[in-house]
Amino acid sequence: MSCQYPLKYRKLIFTQYPCQLCVKMEEISLRPYQQEVVQAALRRENSIIWLPTGGGKTRAAVYVAKQHLETHPNAKVAVLVNKVHLVDQHYRKEFRPYLGSSVNMTPISGDSNEKDFFGCVVRDSSLVICTAQILENALINTEENKHVELTGNTCDLDRELSRKKGGDPMKICGFYI
């Protein structure tokens, strides 16, 4: 399947997230308790990282994603969050600093134009950070540029499991992962 991003969106992606090649990658260091809680995920077992607020769940997720992408050729990682502002926050403060330009990653939320060609972005990216609603919409949509299948993903990180509520789009994780 071949996707073409409209030129105006290619310019927008570059101006919104400039100089991705210039990003210097920081070293990820986990505390001993974080190292312990990521072990099942590193063995590719379904797992839940359950830590208190401020305990480093996001850092642990970044570590798992990095290890997965480094050890599995052509790997795909989807990071799901439940709030629009968390997409950009996770991208700028956690994933981009620790994964640098070595990973082709894209943040997508209802506020970004990339949602209009979500399927193409997912196919072209190694890691996508998105809201669960965007993913749910893409699973249902039949347009080639917007549709996505989870069958090719090798690692799905549901970042906000602890904040789920009834009727929330995050319920898709239970059906597809």
Protein backbone atom coordinates (compact mmCIF):
# COMPACT_ATOMS: atom_id res chain seq x y z
CA MET A 1 0.00 0.00 0.00
CA SER A 2 1.48 3.35 -0.98
CA CYS A 3 0.50 6.57 0.74
CA GLN A 4 1.21 10.07 -0.37
CA TYR A 5 1.03 12.85 2.16
CA PRO A 6 -0.33 16.04 0.67
CA LEU A 7 2.51 18.56 0.33
CA LYS A 8 0.88 20.98 2.77
CA TYR A 9 0.96 18.27 5.46
CA ARG A 10 4.59 17.38 4.78
CA LYS A 11 5.48 21.03 5.35
CA LEU A 12 3.34 21.12 8.47
CA ILE A 13 4.97 18.02 9.94
CA PHE A 14 8.42 19.50 9.39
CA THR A 15 7.56 22.90 10.82
CA GLN A 16 5.65 21.46 13.77
CA TYR A 17 8.50 19.11 14.70
CA PRO A 18 11.61 20.70 13.20
CA CYS A 19 15.05 19.19 12.99
CA GLN A 20 14.30 15.68 14.17
CA LEU A 21 17.71 14.69 12.83
CA CYS A 22 19.36 17.17 15.20
CA VAL A 23 17.95 15.61 18.37
CA LYS A 24 20.65 14.17 20.62
CA MET A 25 19.59 10.96 22.30
CA GLU A 26 19.83 10.85 26.10
CA GLU A 27 20.72 7.67 27.95
CA ILE A 28 17.82 5.90 29.66
CA SER A 29 18.53 4.79 33.19
CA LEU A 30 15.93 2.93 35.20
CA ARG A 31 15.72 2.63 38.94
CA PRO A 32 15.95 -0.96 40.26
CA TYR A 33 12.18 -1.19 40.84
CA GLN A 34 11.54 0.03 37.27
CA GLN A 35 13.97 -2.58 35.93
CA GLU A 36 11.99 -5.21 37.80
CA VAL A 37 8.58 -4.15 36.46
CA VAL A 38 9.68 -4.06 32.79
CA GLN A 39 11.04 -7.62 32.69
CA ALA A 40 7.80 -9.30 31.57
CA ALA A 41 7.30 -6.70 28.82
CA LEU A 42 10.87 -7.22 27.62
CA ARG A 43 10.09 -10.93 27.30
CA ARG A 44 7.12 -9.90 25.09
CA GLU A 45 4.59 -11.08 27.66
CA ASN A 46 1.39 -9.15 28.23
CA SER A 47 2.09 -7.06 31.27
CA ILE A 48 0.92 -4.14 33.34
CA ILE A 49 3.40 -1.71 34.85
CA TRP A 50 1.71 -0.58 38.02
CA LEU A 51 3.56 2.19 39.84
CA PRO A 52 2.34 5.18 41.86
CA THR A 53 2.10 8.68 40.38
CA GLY A 54 5.63 9.90 39.74
CA GLY A 55 6.99 6.36 39.90
CA GLY A 56 8.31 6.38 36.35
CA LYS A 57 5.72 4.45 34.31
CA THR A 58 6.33 6.58 31.22
CA ARG A 59 10.11 6.21 31.50
CA ALA A 60 9.65 2.45 31.81
CA ALA A 61 7.43 2.48 28.69
CA VAL A 62 10.10 4.42 26.79
CA TYR A 63 12.68 1.85 27.85
CA VAL A 64 10.50 -1.06 26.70
CA ALA A 65 9.80 0.67 23.37
CA LYS A 66 13.50 1.40 22.81
CA GLN A 67 14.54 -2.17 23.58
CA HIS A 68 11.80 -3.56 21.36
CA LEU A 69 12.69 -1.34 18.41
CA GLU A 70 16.40 -2.15 18.76
CA THR A 71 15.92 -5.91 18.93
CA HIS A 72 13.15 -6.49 16.38
CA PRO A 73 13.78 -5.43 12.77
CA ASN A 74 10.86 -3.53 11.23
CA ALA A 75 9.13 -3.33 14.61
CA LYS A 76 6.09 -1.12 15.14
CA VAL A 77 5.15 0.42 18.48
CA ALA A 78 1.90 2.20 19.30
CA VAL A 79 1.74 4.29 22.48
CA LEU A 80 -1.84 5.06 23.48
CA VAL A 81 -2.78 7.91 25.79
CA ASN A 82 -6.18 9.12 26.88
CA LYS A 83 -5.75 12.91 26.62
CA VAL A 84 -4.72 15.08 23.68
CA HIS A 85 -2.13 17.07 25.67
CA LEU A 86 -0.38 13.82 26.68
CA VAL A 87 0.45 13.01 23.05
CA ASP A 88 2.72 16.03 22.69
CA GLN A 89 3.97 15.81 26.28
CA HIS A 90 5.08 12.20 25.87
CA TYR A 91 6.66 12.98 22.51
CA ARG A 92 8.62 16.05 23.59
CA LYS A 93 9.56 15.16 27.17
CA GLU A 94 10.02 11.41 27.10
CA PHE A 95 10.13 9.56 23.77
CA ARG A 96 12.00 12.06 21.56
CA PRO A 97 14.75 12.84 24.11
CA TYR A 98 15.43 9.16 24.81
CA LEU A 99 14.93 7.68 21.36
CA GLY A 100 16.38 10.60 19.40
CA SER A 101 16.36 10.57 15.64
CA SER A 102 17.13 6.86 15.49
CA VAL A 103 13.39 6.13 15.56
CA ASN A 104 10.88 7.41 13.03
CA MET A 105 8.15 8.50 15.43
CA THR A 106 5.04 10.60 15.02
CA PRO A 107 2.70 12.11 17.60
CA ILE A 108 -0.95 12.20 16.45
CA SER A 109 -3.99 13.60 18.22
CA GLY A 110 -7.27 15.22 17.30
CA ASP A 111 -5.39 18.53 17.24
CA SER A 112 -2.94 17.39 14.54
CA ASN A 113 -3.49 17.23 10.80
CA GLU A 114 -1.82 13.81 10.63
CA LYS A 115 -5.09 12.29 11.84
CA ASP A 116 -6.42 12.87 8.31
CA PHE A 117 -3.94 10.31 6.94
CA PHE A 118 -3.37 8.26 10.09
CA GLY A 119 -3.05 4.96 8.23
CA CYS A 120 -0.20 6.30 6.09
CA VAL A 121 1.61 7.72 9.11
CA VAL A 122 1.37 4.42 10.99
CA ARG A 123 2.69 2.48 8.00
CA ASP A 124 5.61 4.91 7.62
CA SER A 125 6.52 5.23 11.32
CA SER A 126 8.25 2.89 13.73
CA LEU A 127 6.55 4.47 16.73
CA VAL A 128 3.27 6.36 16.93
CA ILE A 129 2.02 8.19 20.01
CA CYS A 130 -1.70 8.79 19.71
CA THR A 131 -4.95 9.09 21.57
CA ALA A 132 -7.01 5.95 21.81
CA GLN A 133 -9.87 7.75 20.05
CA ILE A 134 -7.70 8.38 16.97
CA LEU A 135 -6.77 4.70 16.88
CA GLU A 136 -10.36 3.58 17.34
CA ASN A 137 -11.47 5.86 14.48
CA ALA A 138 -8.75 4.47 12.23
CA LEU A 139 -9.69 0.86 12.98
CA ILE A 140 -13.26 1.56 11.86
CA ASN A 141 -12.51 3.85 8.90
CA THR A 142 -12.35 2.17 5.49
CA GLU A 143 -10.46 4.92 3.61
CA GLU A 144 -6.95 3.72 2.73
CA ASN A 145 -5.19 6.84 4.02
CA LYS A 146 -7.04 6.72 7.36
CA HIS A 147 -7.46 2.99 8.06
CA VAL A 148 -5.03 0.99 10.14
CA GLU A 149 -4.73 -2.65 11.18
CA LEU A 150 -3.06 -3.71 14.41
CA THR A 151 -1.94 -7.05 13.04
CA GLY A 152 1.46 -5.65 12.02
CA ASN A 153 2.19 -4.00 15.36
CA THR A 154 4.64 -5.86 17.50
CA CYS A 155 4.31 -3.79 20.68
CA ASP A 156 1.36 -1.76 21.92
CA LEU A 157 1.78 0.37 25.02
CA ASP A 158 -1.41 1.47 26.72
CA ARG A 159 -0.01 4.33 28.77
CA GLU A 160 -3.11 5.34 30.71
CA LEU A 161 -4.68 2.07 31.81
CA SER A 162 -5.11 3.37 35.35
CA ARG A 163 -7.35 6.22 34.21
CA LYS A 164 -9.87 4.23 32.17
CA LYS A 165 -13.57 4.81 32.65
CA GLY A 166 -16.66 3.17 31.22
CA GLY A 167 -17.34 4.10 27.60
CA ASP A 168 -13.79 5.34 27.11
CA PRO A 169 -12.09 4.59 23.77
CA MET A 170 -9.25 3.00 25.71
CA LYS A 171 -11.47 -0.10 25.85
CA ILE A 172 -10.12 -1.02 22.41
CA CYS A 173 -6.93 -2.22 24.05
CA GLY A 174 -8.76 -5.17 25.53
CA PHE A 175 -10.13 -6.16 22.13
CA TYR A 176 -7.02 -5.79 19.99
CA ILE A 177 -3.96 -6.32 22.15
